[in-house]
Amino acid sequence: MKNHFKKKRLLYGLYILIYLPWFFILEACINETTPDVHILNRRIDEFIPFCEYFIIPYIFWVFYILGACIFMLFKATDKEFHQFGMTLIIGMSLCLFICMVYPNGVQLRPENLPNNIFGTIVKYLYMSDTPTNVFPSIHVFNSLAVHISLTKCEALKKHYSIKYFSLITCILICMSTLFLKQHCVIDVIGACGLMIILYVLIYVVNYKKAPNSQKETVSIH
């Protein structure tokens, strides 16, 4: 029975077959040369300095998300895993859909990068990732979704060190999007806003209770 549930959970992973083609097609269709791209950075973003060392948490994001997915696959309850999976799938889909209907980008990247290993890695990042399709930030949204899921996971109830590590990692990843000039403040705010909405819809609203309440009301009348 447990293996059956594990196989059922693995079906969530098939979303990657939808997300990756969608993302790369969007990157190819909407880039710096695309007309009518809305530039989102504002004056406040100019006060945030570029710091190449933030490439470390920015890249660590991949391992943070992947590690959380593996952990939740084996340790989360069915309800916890469903909430985790649906948050990521719905959130990432909405991010891409918003970029489709509202082409957006930033113009923040520095002309000259530091001549060190971190600056070199940032250069390759810039070459492989366009400064478009940035709102809301998927880096920020996924990090928030993962941290919330881990903190609410019953298997980690008394593992405070892991929760603190997750919190620090989440904060550093969110900061890295700004300090590497990959995103602007509006992108981060947009990702936080999207996470709040989905948190309420997926974690707070009790969908089973509402129909019962209606039945009770009908029976009284």
Protein backbone atom coordinates (compact mmCIF):
# COMPACT_ATOMS: atom_id res chain seq x y z
CA MET A 1 0.00 0.00 0.00
CA LYS A 2 2.84 2.41 0.88
CA ASN A 3 4.54 1.77 -2.46
CA HIS A 4 1.26 2.51 -4.19
CA PHE A 5 1.09 5.93 -2.51
CA LYS A 6 4.72 6.64 -3.39
CA LYS A 7 4.06 5.85 -7.06
CA LYS A 8 0.99 8.07 -6.94
CA ARG A 9 3.10 10.91 -5.54
CA LEU A 10 5.65 10.51 -8.31
CA LEU A 11 2.94 11.50 -10.79
CA TYR A 12 3.35 15.07 -9.52
CA GLY A 13 6.84 14.96 -11.00
CA LEU A 14 5.37 14.67 -14.50
CA TYR A 15 4.62 18.38 -14.28
CA ILE A 16 8.27 19.00 -15.14
CA LEU A 17 7.45 17.71 -18.65
CA ILE A 18 4.99 20.58 -18.95
CA TYR A 19 6.97 23.25 -17.12
CA LEU A 20 10.34 22.96 -18.88
CA PRO A 21 9.06 23.18 -22.49
CA TRP A 22 6.71 25.98 -21.46
CA PHE A 23 9.56 27.89 -19.78
CA PHE A 24 12.06 27.52 -22.64
CA ILE A 25 9.50 28.42 -25.31
CA LEU A 26 8.63 31.51 -23.28
CA GLU A 27 12.31 32.41 -22.97
CA ALA A 28 12.74 32.06 -26.74
CA CYS A 29 9.64 34.08 -27.60
CA ILE A 30 10.02 36.86 -25.04
CA ASN A 31 13.52 38.30 -24.64
CA GLU A 32 15.40 41.61 -24.76
CA THR A 33 14.58 42.11 -28.44
CA THR A 34 10.84 41.57 -28.01
CA PRO A 35 8.87 44.83 -28.45
CA ASP A 36 6.53 46.11 -25.73
CA VAL A 37 8.27 44.28 -22.89
CA HIS A 38 7.36 46.06 -19.64
CA ILE A 39 10.51 47.04 -17.72
CA LEU A 40 9.71 46.62 -14.03
CA ASN A 41 12.77 47.91 -12.17
CA ARG A 42 12.36 51.20 -10.32
CA ARG A 43 14.59 53.69 -8.55
CA ILE A 44 14.61 51.63 -5.35
CA ASP A 45 16.43 48.84 -7.20
CA GLU A 46 19.35 51.17 -7.91
CA PHE A 47 20.09 51.33 -4.18
CA ILE A 48 20.64 47.57 -4.01
CA PRO A 49 24.33 46.89 -4.78
CA PHE A 50 25.49 44.09 -7.04
CA CYS A 51 27.23 41.31 -5.13
CA GLU A 52 28.60 38.33 -7.06
CA TYR A 53 28.90 36.17 -3.92
CA PHE A 54 25.14 35.74 -3.89
CA ILE A 55 25.57 33.38 -6.84
CA ILE A 56 26.12 30.68 -4.18
CA PRO A 57 22.59 30.74 -2.68
CA TYR A 58 21.14 31.48 -6.14
CA ILE A 59 22.55 28.21 -7.51
CA PHE A 60 21.93 26.33 -4.25
CA TRP A 61 18.23 26.95 -4.96
CA VAL A 62 18.26 23.92 -7.28
CA PHE A 63 19.46 21.61 -4.48
CA TYR A 64 17.12 23.22 -1.96
CA ILE A 65 14.06 22.54 -4.13
CA LEU A 66 15.19 19.08 -5.22
CA GLY A 67 16.11 18.06 -1.66
CA ALA A 68 12.74 19.24 -0.36
CA CYS A 69 10.90 17.30 -3.07
CA ILE A 70 12.74 14.08 -2.18
CA PHE A 71 12.19 14.61 1.55
CA MET A 72 8.47 15.34 1.14
CA LEU A 73 8.09 12.33 -1.16
CA PHE A 74 9.20 9.93 1.56
CA LYS A 75 8.37 11.71 4.82
CA ALA A 76 5.27 13.87 4.30
CA THR A 77 1.74 12.69 4.93
CA ASP A 78 -0.61 12.42 1.95
CA LYS A 79 -2.23 15.74 2.84
CA GLU A 80 1.13 17.50 3.32
CA PHE A 81 2.49 16.17 0.04
CA HIS A 82 -0.67 17.13 -1.85
CA GLN A 83 -0.50 20.68 -0.47
CA PHE A 84 3.21 20.89 -1.29
CA GLY A 85 2.78 19.59 -4.84
CA MET A 86 -0.27 21.68 -5.67
CA THR A 87 1.36 24.85 -4.35
CA LEU A 88 4.38 24.39 -6.62
CA ILE A 89 2.40 23.32 -9.69
CA ILE A 90 -0.26 26.03 -9.48
CA GLY A 91 2.23 28.74 -8.50
CA MET A 92 4.79 28.00 -11.21
CA SER A 93 2.04 27.74 -13.83
CA LEU A 94 0.61 31.10 -12.79
CA CYS A 95 4.07 32.69 -12.95
CA LEU A 96 4.56 31.52 -16.53
CA PHE A 97 1.01 32.47 -17.52
CA ILE A 98 1.49 36.00 -16.15
CA CYS A 99 4.68 36.34 -18.21
CA MET A 100 2.76 35.22 -21.31
CA VAL A 101 -0.01 37.81 -20.99
CA TYR A 102 2.20 40.52 -19.46
CA PRO A 103 5.67 40.36 -21.07
CA ASN A 104 8.10 41.79 -18.55
CA GLY A 105 11.77 42.18 -17.78
CA VAL A 106 14.45 44.15 -15.95
CA GLN A 107 17.38 46.30 -17.02
CA LEU A 108 19.67 46.03 -14.03
CA ARG A 109 22.64 43.91 -15.03
CA PRO A 110 26.04 45.60 -14.56
CA GLU A 111 28.17 46.18 -17.66
CA ASN A 112 31.34 44.93 -15.99
CA LEU A 113 31.50 41.87 -13.76
CA PRO A 114 34.17 41.23 -11.10
CA ASN A 115 37.21 39.33 -12.35
CA ASN A 116 36.93 36.35 -10.02
CA ILE A 117 35.38 32.89 -10.01
CA PHE A 118 32.04 34.18 -8.74
CA GLY A 119 31.90 36.90 -11.38
CA THR A 120 32.66 34.29 -14.04
CA ILE A 121 29.79 32.09 -12.87
CA VAL A 122 27.46 35.10 -12.93
CA LYS A 123 28.58 35.81 -16.50
CA TYR A 124 27.54 32.32 -17.56
CA LEU A 125 24.28 32.74 -15.70
CA TYR A 126 23.56 35.93 -17.64
CA MET A 127 24.38 34.14 -20.89
CA SER A 128 22.00 31.26 -20.21
CA ASP A 129 19.14 33.19 -18.58
CA THR A 130 17.47 36.23 -20.13
CA PRO A 131 16.49 39.26 -17.98
CA THR A 132 12.89 38.77 -19.09
CA ASN A 133 9.94 36.74 -17.76
CA VAL A 134 10.84 37.77 -14.23
CA PHE A 135 7.49 38.67 -12.64
CA PRO A 136 6.66 37.03 -10.31
CA SER A 137 10.03 35.54 -9.40
CA ILE A 138 9.85 31.75 -9.58
CA HIS A 139 13.09 31.57 -7.56
CA VAL A 140 11.41 33.44 -4.71
CA PHE A 141 8.04 31.72 -5.00
CA ASN A 142 9.48 28.19 -4.96
CA SER A 143 11.72 29.01 -2.00
CA LEU A 144 8.77 30.31 0.01
CA ALA A 145 6.63 27.31 -0.98
CA VAL A 146 9.34 24.87 0.08
CA HIS A 147 10.04 26.57 3.40
CA ILE A 148 6.36 26.72 4.34
CA SER A 149 5.86 23.06 3.43
CA LEU A 150 8.86 21.98 5.49
CA THR A 151 7.83 23.98 8.55
CA LYS A 152 4.34 22.47 8.42
CA CYS A 153 5.58 18.91 7.90
CA GLU A 154 4.81 16.70 10.90
CA ALA A 155 8.05 14.73 10.39
CA LEU A 156 10.03 17.91 11.15
CA LYS A 157 7.93 18.99 14.12
CA LYS A 158 10.83 18.85 16.60
CA HIS A 159 13.70 19.31 14.15
CA TYR A 160 14.19 23.03 14.74
CA SER A 161 17.71 23.10 13.30
CA ILE A 162 16.40 21.97 9.90
CA LYS A 163 13.64 24.57 10.01
CA TYR A 164 16.11 27.34 10.86
CA PHE A 165 18.45 26.17 8.09
CA SER A 166 15.51 26.24 5.68
CA LEU A 167 14.53 29.75 6.80
CA ILE A 168 18.06 31.12 6.35
CA THR A 169 18.39 29.40 2.98
CA CYS A 170 15.04 30.78 1.83
CA ILE A 171 15.97 34.33 2.86
CA LEU A 172 19.40 34.16 1.18
CA ILE A 173 17.90 32.83 -2.06
CA CYS A 174 15.32 35.63 -2.11
CA MET A 175 18.08 38.18 -1.47
CA SER A 176 20.27 36.66 -4.18
CA THR A 177 17.70 37.45 -6.88
CA LEU A 178 18.10 41.14 -6.04
CA PHE A 179 21.84 41.31 -5.39
CA LEU A 180 22.60 39.49 -8.64
CA LYS A 181 20.30 41.92 -10.51
CA GLN A 182 18.28 39.01 -11.88
CA HIS A 183 15.08 40.43 -10.43
CA CYS A 184 13.76 43.68 -9.03
CA VAL A 185 11.85 44.44 -5.84
CA ILE A 186 8.48 44.24 -7.63
CA ASP A 187 9.29 40.66 -8.73
CA VAL A 188 9.92 39.62 -5.14
CA ILE A 189 6.78 41.35 -3.87
CA GLY A 190 4.76 39.68 -6.64
CA ALA A 191 6.07 36.24 -5.66
CA CYS A 192 5.27 36.89 -1.98
CA GLY A 193 1.77 38.05 -2.88
CA LEU A 194 1.16 34.95 -5.00
CA MET A 195 2.40 32.73 -2.17
CA ILE A 196 0.05 34.40 0.32
CA ILE A 197 -2.95 33.84 -1.95
CA LEU A 198 -2.11 30.18 -2.57
CA TYR A 199 -1.32 29.63 1.11
CA VAL A 200 -4.83 30.75 2.03
CA LEU A 201 -6.45 28.70 -0.74
CA ILE A 202 -4.43 25.52 -0.17
CA TYR A 203 -3.49 25.53 3.52
CA VAL A 204 -6.15 27.61 5.26
CA VAL A 205 -9.49 27.09 3.54
CA ASN A 206 -11.27 23.96 4.75
CA TYR A 207 -13.09 22.70 1.66
CA LYS A 208 -14.60 19.67 3.44
CA LYS A 209 -16.25 21.75 6.12
CA ALA A 210 -18.17 24.11 3.82
CA PRO A 211 -20.54 21.50 2.25
CA ASN A 212 -21.34 20.03 5.67
CA SER A 213 -22.27 23.45 6.97
CA GLN A 214 -24.63 23.94 4.04
CA LYS A 215 -26.30 20.57 4.65
CA GLU A 216 -26.85 21.42 8.30
CA THR A 217 -28.45 24.71 7.34
CA VAL A 218 -30.76 22.98 4.87
CA SER A 219 -31.82 20.33 7.40
CA ILE A 220 -32.74 22.98 9.98
CA HIS A 221 -35.10 24.68 7.54
